[in-house]
């Protein structure tokens, strides 16, 4: 699976929707979702789960992570010198701030 513009927009909308409480340190946990877990939840319904919760920490290293998610994480880090997970977990960036950064980096890039 490779992310396209519609999927990208769906992810951005999910981050901004208020439907997903932001968590840290794992894709989905008791406190909420990380930005990458939000992408998995809305775009990859068959993503590996345990008792209905997303499984994994860092998608770029996680078993079963969609290839596009791993690629966007690495590509974003090359462009912004920080992985998306690090912004979410360590830098304290909000989902809105992460969505803004994703749009700034990718909105003008053709996503096919």
N, C-alpha and C. Protein backbone atom coordinates (compact mmCIF):
# COMPACT_ATOMS: atom_id res chain seq x y z
N UNK A 1 0.85 -1.19 0.00
CA UNK A 1 0.00 0.00 0.00
C UNK A 1 0.88 1.24 0.00
N UNK A 2 0.54 2.18 -0.83
CA UNK A 2 1.26 3.44 -0.88
C UNK A 2 0.24 4.55 -0.62
N UNK A 3 0.59 5.52 0.17
CA UNK A 3 -0.36 6.57 0.50
C UNK A 3 -0.63 7.44 -0.73
N UNK A 4 -1.89 7.79 -0.90
CA UNK A 4 -2.25 8.71 -1.98
C UNK A 4 -2.83 9.97 -1.35
N UNK A 5 -3.21 10.91 -2.16
CA UNK A 5 -3.68 12.21 -1.66
C UNK A 5 -4.95 12.06 -0.80
N UNK A 6 -5.86 11.20 -1.21
CA UNK A 6 -7.09 11.00 -0.44
C UNK A 6 -6.76 10.43 0.94
N UNK A 7 -5.87 9.45 0.99
CA UNK A 7 -5.47 8.86 2.27
C UNK A 7 -4.75 9.90 3.14
N UNK A 8 -3.88 10.66 2.52
CA UNK A 8 -3.16 11.71 3.24
C UNK A 8 -4.16 12.69 3.86
N UNK A 9 -5.12 13.14 3.07
CA UNK A 9 -6.13 14.07 3.57
C UNK A 9 -6.96 13.46 4.70
N UNK A 10 -7.28 12.17 4.58
CA UNK A 10 -8.02 11.46 5.63
C UNK A 10 -7.22 11.46 6.94
N UNK A 11 -5.93 11.21 6.85
CA UNK A 11 -5.05 11.22 8.02
C UNK A 11 -5.03 12.60 8.66
N UNK A 12 -4.85 13.64 7.84
CA UNK A 12 -4.80 15.01 8.36
C UNK A 12 -6.13 15.36 9.05
N UNK A 13 -7.24 15.01 8.41
CA UNK A 13 -8.55 15.28 9.00
C UNK A 13 -8.73 14.55 10.33
N UNK A 14 -8.24 13.31 10.39
CA UNK A 14 -8.34 12.55 11.65
C UNK A 14 -7.53 13.21 12.75
N UNK A 15 -6.33 13.68 12.42
CA UNK A 15 -5.50 14.36 13.41
C UNK A 15 -6.20 15.61 13.95
N UNK A 16 -6.93 16.30 13.10
CA UNK A 16 -7.57 17.55 13.50
C UNK A 16 -8.99 17.37 14.03
N UNK A 17 -9.52 16.19 13.93
CA UNK A 17 -10.95 15.96 14.22
C UNK A 17 -11.33 16.08 15.69
N UNK A 18 -10.39 15.85 16.57
CA UNK A 18 -10.71 15.79 17.99
C UNK A 18 -11.25 14.44 18.41
N UNK A 19 -11.46 13.55 17.45
CA UNK A 19 -11.97 12.21 17.72
C UNK A 19 -10.91 11.32 18.37
N UNK A 20 -9.64 11.61 18.08
CA UNK A 20 -8.54 10.79 18.59
C UNK A 20 -7.77 11.57 19.65
N UNK A 21 -7.82 11.09 20.86
CA UNK A 21 -7.06 11.70 21.95
C UNK A 21 -5.58 11.36 21.73
N UNK A 22 -4.73 12.34 21.91
CA UNK A 22 -3.30 12.14 21.67
C UNK A 22 -2.64 11.45 22.85
N UNK A 23 -1.91 10.39 22.54
CA UNK A 23 -1.13 9.66 23.53
C UNK A 23 0.33 9.66 23.12
N UNK A 24 1.15 9.06 23.92
CA UNK A 24 2.58 9.03 23.64
C UNK A 24 3.14 7.63 23.89
N UNK A 25 4.19 7.29 23.15
CA UNK A 25 4.95 6.08 23.43
C UNK A 25 4.48 4.81 22.77
N UNK A 26 3.30 4.80 22.20
CA UNK A 26 2.81 3.62 21.50
C UNK A 26 1.74 4.04 20.52
N UNK A 27 1.46 3.18 19.55
CA UNK A 27 0.47 3.52 18.54
C UNK A 27 -0.88 3.85 19.17
N UNK A 28 -1.30 2.99 20.10
CA UNK A 28 -2.54 3.22 20.82
C UNK A 28 -2.39 2.68 22.23
N UNK A 29 -2.76 3.47 23.19
CA UNK A 29 -2.67 3.03 24.57
C UNK A 29 -3.83 3.61 25.36
N UNK A 30 -3.77 3.43 26.65
CA UNK A 30 -4.84 3.90 27.53
C UNK A 30 -5.05 5.41 27.43
N UNK A 31 -3.96 6.15 27.20
CA UNK A 31 -4.10 7.61 27.13
C UNK A 31 -4.49 8.11 25.75
N UNK A 32 -4.36 7.27 24.71
CA UNK A 32 -4.76 7.69 23.37
C UNK A 32 -3.85 7.15 22.29
N UNK A 33 -3.81 7.87 21.17
CA UNK A 33 -3.07 7.48 19.98
C UNK A 33 -1.89 8.40 19.74
N UNK A 34 -0.83 7.88 19.13
CA UNK A 34 0.20 8.76 18.58
C UNK A 34 -0.23 9.13 17.17
N UNK A 35 0.45 10.06 16.55
CA UNK A 35 0.07 10.49 15.20
C UNK A 35 0.14 9.33 14.21
N UNK A 36 1.09 8.42 14.39
CA UNK A 36 1.22 7.28 13.50
C UNK A 36 0.13 6.24 13.77
N UNK A 37 -0.25 6.08 15.02
CA UNK A 37 -1.35 5.19 15.36
C UNK A 37 -2.66 5.68 14.80
N UNK A 38 -2.84 6.99 14.76
CA UNK A 38 -4.03 7.57 14.15
C UNK A 38 -4.09 7.20 12.67
N UNK A 39 -2.96 7.28 11.99
CA UNK A 39 -2.91 6.89 10.58
C UNK A 39 -3.27 5.42 10.42
N UNK A 40 -2.72 4.57 11.26
CA UNK A 40 -3.03 3.15 11.19
C UNK A 40 -4.52 2.91 11.41
N UNK A 41 -5.09 3.58 12.39
CA UNK A 41 -6.50 3.36 12.75
C UNK A 41 -7.44 3.75 11.61
N UNK A 42 -7.17 4.88 10.95
CA UNK A 42 -8.10 5.35 9.92
C UNK A 42 -7.79 4.81 8.53
N UNK A 43 -6.57 4.36 8.30
CA UNK A 43 -6.19 3.95 6.95
C UNK A 43 -5.90 2.47 6.78
N UNK A 44 -5.62 1.77 7.88
CA UNK A 44 -5.23 0.37 7.77
C UNK A 44 -6.07 -0.44 8.77
N UNK A 45 -7.33 -0.67 8.44
CA UNK A 45 -8.20 -1.35 9.41
C UNK A 45 -7.74 -2.75 9.79
N UNK A 46 -6.94 -3.38 8.94
CA UNK A 46 -6.46 -4.72 9.25
C UNK A 46 -5.14 -4.70 10.02
N UNK A 47 -4.69 -3.52 10.47
CA UNK A 47 -3.43 -3.43 11.20
C UNK A 47 -3.48 -4.33 12.43
N UNK A 48 -2.34 -4.90 12.76
CA UNK A 48 -2.23 -5.85 13.88
C UNK A 48 -2.79 -5.24 15.17
N UNK A 49 -3.72 -5.97 15.79
CA UNK A 49 -4.28 -5.51 17.06
C UNK A 49 -4.23 -6.62 18.10
N UNK A 50 -4.34 -6.22 19.33
CA UNK A 50 -4.42 -7.15 20.45
C UNK A 50 -5.54 -6.63 21.34
N UNK A 51 -6.56 -7.44 21.53
CA UNK A 51 -7.73 -7.02 22.30
C UNK A 51 -8.30 -5.70 21.80
N UNK A 52 -8.30 -5.51 20.48
CA UNK A 52 -8.88 -4.32 19.89
C UNK A 52 -7.99 -3.10 19.90
N UNK A 53 -6.79 -3.20 20.46
CA UNK A 53 -5.87 -2.06 20.52
C UNK A 53 -4.76 -2.26 19.50
N UNK A 54 -4.30 -1.18 18.89
CA UNK A 54 -3.18 -1.26 17.96
C UNK A 54 -1.94 -1.72 18.68
N UNK A 55 -1.14 -2.54 18.02
CA UNK A 55 0.07 -3.10 18.61
C UNK A 55 1.28 -2.50 17.93
N UNK A 56 2.27 -2.12 18.70
CA UNK A 56 3.52 -1.63 18.14
C UNK A 56 3.90 -0.30 18.74
N UNK A 57 5.15 0.01 18.65
CA UNK A 57 5.66 1.29 19.13
C UNK A 57 5.95 2.20 17.97
N UNK A 58 7.06 1.97 17.33
CA UNK A 58 7.48 2.79 16.21
C UNK A 58 7.17 2.06 14.91
N UNK A 59 6.25 2.57 14.10
CA UNK A 59 5.90 1.87 12.87
C UNK A 59 7.08 1.61 11.96
N UNK A 60 8.06 2.47 11.97
CA UNK A 60 9.19 2.24 11.06
C UNK A 60 9.96 0.98 11.44
N UNK A 61 9.77 0.48 12.67
CA UNK A 61 10.43 -0.76 13.08
C UNK A 61 9.43 -1.87 13.37
N UNK A 62 8.16 -1.54 13.37
CA UNK A 62 7.15 -2.49 13.78
C UNK A 62 6.81 -3.54 12.73
N UNK A 63 6.58 -4.74 13.19
CA UNK A 63 6.17 -5.82 12.31
C UNK A 63 4.78 -5.51 11.77
N UNK A 64 4.62 -5.65 10.48
CA UNK A 64 3.32 -5.43 9.87
C UNK A 64 3.00 -3.97 9.59
N UNK A 65 3.94 -3.08 9.84
CA UNK A 65 3.69 -1.67 9.55
C UNK A 65 3.57 -1.48 8.04
N UNK A 66 2.59 -0.68 7.62
CA UNK A 66 2.47 -0.41 6.19
C UNK A 66 3.76 0.23 5.67
N UNK A 67 4.18 -0.20 4.50
CA UNK A 67 5.44 0.31 3.93
C UNK A 67 5.40 1.83 3.78
N UNK A 68 4.26 2.38 3.34
CA UNK A 68 4.19 3.83 3.14
C UNK A 68 4.35 4.57 4.46
N UNK A 69 3.88 3.99 5.56
CA UNK A 69 4.01 4.66 6.85
C UNK A 69 5.47 4.70 7.29
N UNK A 70 6.16 3.60 7.06
CA UNK A 70 7.59 3.55 7.35
C UNK A 70 8.33 4.56 6.48
N UNK A 71 7.96 4.62 5.20
CA UNK A 71 8.64 5.52 4.27
C UNK A 71 8.38 6.99 4.60
N UNK A 72 7.14 7.33 4.95
CA UNK A 72 6.84 8.73 5.25
C UNK A 72 7.54 9.16 6.53
N UNK A 73 7.65 8.27 7.48
CA UNK A 73 8.36 8.59 8.72
C UNK A 73 9.83 8.89 8.44
N UNK A 74 10.45 8.04 7.65
CA UNK A 74 11.87 8.25 7.31
C UNK A 74 12.05 9.51 6.46
N UNK A 75 11.18 9.68 5.46
CA UNK A 75 11.28 10.84 4.58
C UNK A 75 11.08 12.14 5.35
N UNK A 76 10.10 12.15 6.24
CA UNK A 76 9.86 13.34 7.05
C UNK A 76 11.09 13.67 7.89
N UNK A 77 11.72 12.65 8.46
CA UNK A 77 12.92 12.87 9.27
C UNK A 77 14.05 13.46 8.44
N UNK A 78 14.18 13.03 7.21
CA UNK A 78 15.21 13.60 6.33
C UNK A 78 14.94 15.07 6.04
N UNK A 79 13.68 15.41 5.88
CA UNK A 79 13.31 16.79 5.52
C UNK A 79 13.25 17.72 6.72
N UNK A 80 12.86 17.20 7.87
CA UNK A 80 12.66 18.05 9.05
C UNK A 80 13.57 17.70 10.23
N UNK A 81 14.44 16.74 10.05
CA UNK A 81 15.40 16.34 11.08
C UNK A 81 14.76 15.81 12.36
N UNK A 82 13.55 15.28 12.21
CA UNK A 82 12.87 14.67 13.35
C UNK A 82 11.83 13.70 12.81
N UNK A 83 11.76 12.52 13.40
CA UNK A 83 10.72 11.57 13.04
C UNK A 83 9.39 12.07 13.58
N UNK A 84 8.32 11.72 12.90
CA UNK A 84 6.99 12.10 13.36
C UNK A 84 6.72 11.60 14.77
N UNK A 85 7.15 10.36 15.05
CA UNK A 85 6.95 9.80 16.39
C UNK A 85 7.67 10.61 17.46
N UNK A 86 8.85 11.15 17.11
CA UNK A 86 9.60 11.95 18.08
C UNK A 86 8.89 13.28 18.36
N UNK A 87 8.31 13.87 17.32
CA UNK A 87 7.53 15.09 17.53
C UNK A 87 6.35 14.82 18.46
N UNK A 88 5.69 13.70 18.21
CA UNK A 88 4.52 13.32 19.01
C UNK A 88 4.91 12.97 20.44
N UNK A 89 5.95 12.15 20.59
CA UNK A 89 6.26 11.58 21.90
C UNK A 89 7.18 12.44 22.76
N UNK A 90 8.15 13.09 22.14
CA UNK A 90 9.19 13.78 22.91
C UNK A 90 9.14 15.30 22.83
N UNK A 91 8.73 15.83 21.69
CA UNK A 91 8.77 17.28 21.51
C UNK A 91 7.48 17.96 21.98
N UNK A 92 6.46 17.16 22.28
CA UNK A 92 5.21 17.73 22.77
C UNK A 92 4.37 18.41 21.70
N UNK A 93 4.63 18.11 20.42
CA UNK A 93 3.81 18.69 19.35
C UNK A 93 2.39 18.14 19.43
N UNK A 94 1.43 19.01 19.23
CA UNK A 94 0.03 18.58 19.23
C UNK A 94 -0.31 17.96 17.88
N UNK A 95 -1.45 17.28 17.81
CA UNK A 95 -1.90 16.74 16.53
C UNK A 95 -2.07 17.85 15.49
N UNK A 96 -2.60 18.99 15.90
CA UNK A 96 -2.75 20.11 14.96
C UNK A 96 -1.39 20.57 14.42
N UNK A 97 -0.41 20.66 15.30
CA UNK A 97 0.93 21.07 14.87
C UNK A 97 1.55 20.04 13.93
N UNK A 98 1.36 18.78 14.23
CA UNK A 98 1.89 17.71 13.37
C UNK A 98 1.18 17.75 12.02
N UNK A 99 -0.13 17.94 12.02
CA UNK A 99 -0.88 18.06 10.76
C UNK A 99 -0.37 19.24 9.94
N UNK A 100 -0.12 20.38 10.59
CA UNK A 100 0.43 21.55 9.89
C UNK A 100 1.77 21.22 9.25
N UNK A 101 2.64 20.53 9.99
CA UNK A 101 3.96 20.17 9.45
C UNK A 101 3.83 19.19 8.29
N UNK A 102 2.96 18.21 8.42
CA UNK A 102 2.76 17.25 7.33
C UNK A 102 2.28 17.97 6.07
N UNK A 103 1.34 18.88 6.22
CA UNK A 103 0.85 19.63 5.07
C UNK A 103 1.95 20.51 4.48
N UNK A 104 2.73 21.15 5.34
CA UNK A 104 3.80 22.03 4.83
C UNK A 104 4.83 21.24 4.03
N UNK A 105 5.12 20.02 4.46
CA UNK A 105 6.12 19.21 3.78
C UNK A 105 5.57 18.52 2.55
N UNK A 106 4.31 18.06 2.60
CA UNK A 106 3.82 17.17 1.55
C UNK A 106 2.67 17.70 0.70
N UNK A 107 2.01 18.78 1.08
CA UNK A 107 0.81 19.19 0.36
C UNK A 107 1.10 19.55 -1.10
N UNK A 108 2.28 20.04 -1.38
CA UNK A 108 2.61 20.41 -2.74
C UNK A 108 3.32 19.29 -3.48
N UNK A 109 3.64 18.24 -2.78
CA UNK A 109 4.26 17.07 -3.40
C UNK A 109 3.16 16.17 -3.94
N UNK A 110 3.34 15.63 -5.10
CA UNK A 110 2.35 14.73 -5.67
C UNK A 110 2.45 13.40 -4.92
N UNK A 111 1.36 13.00 -4.32
CA UNK A 111 1.29 11.72 -3.62
C UNK A 111 0.52 10.76 -4.50
N UNK A 112 1.24 9.80 -5.14
CA UNK A 112 0.51 8.84 -5.93
C UNK A 112 0.59 7.46 -5.41
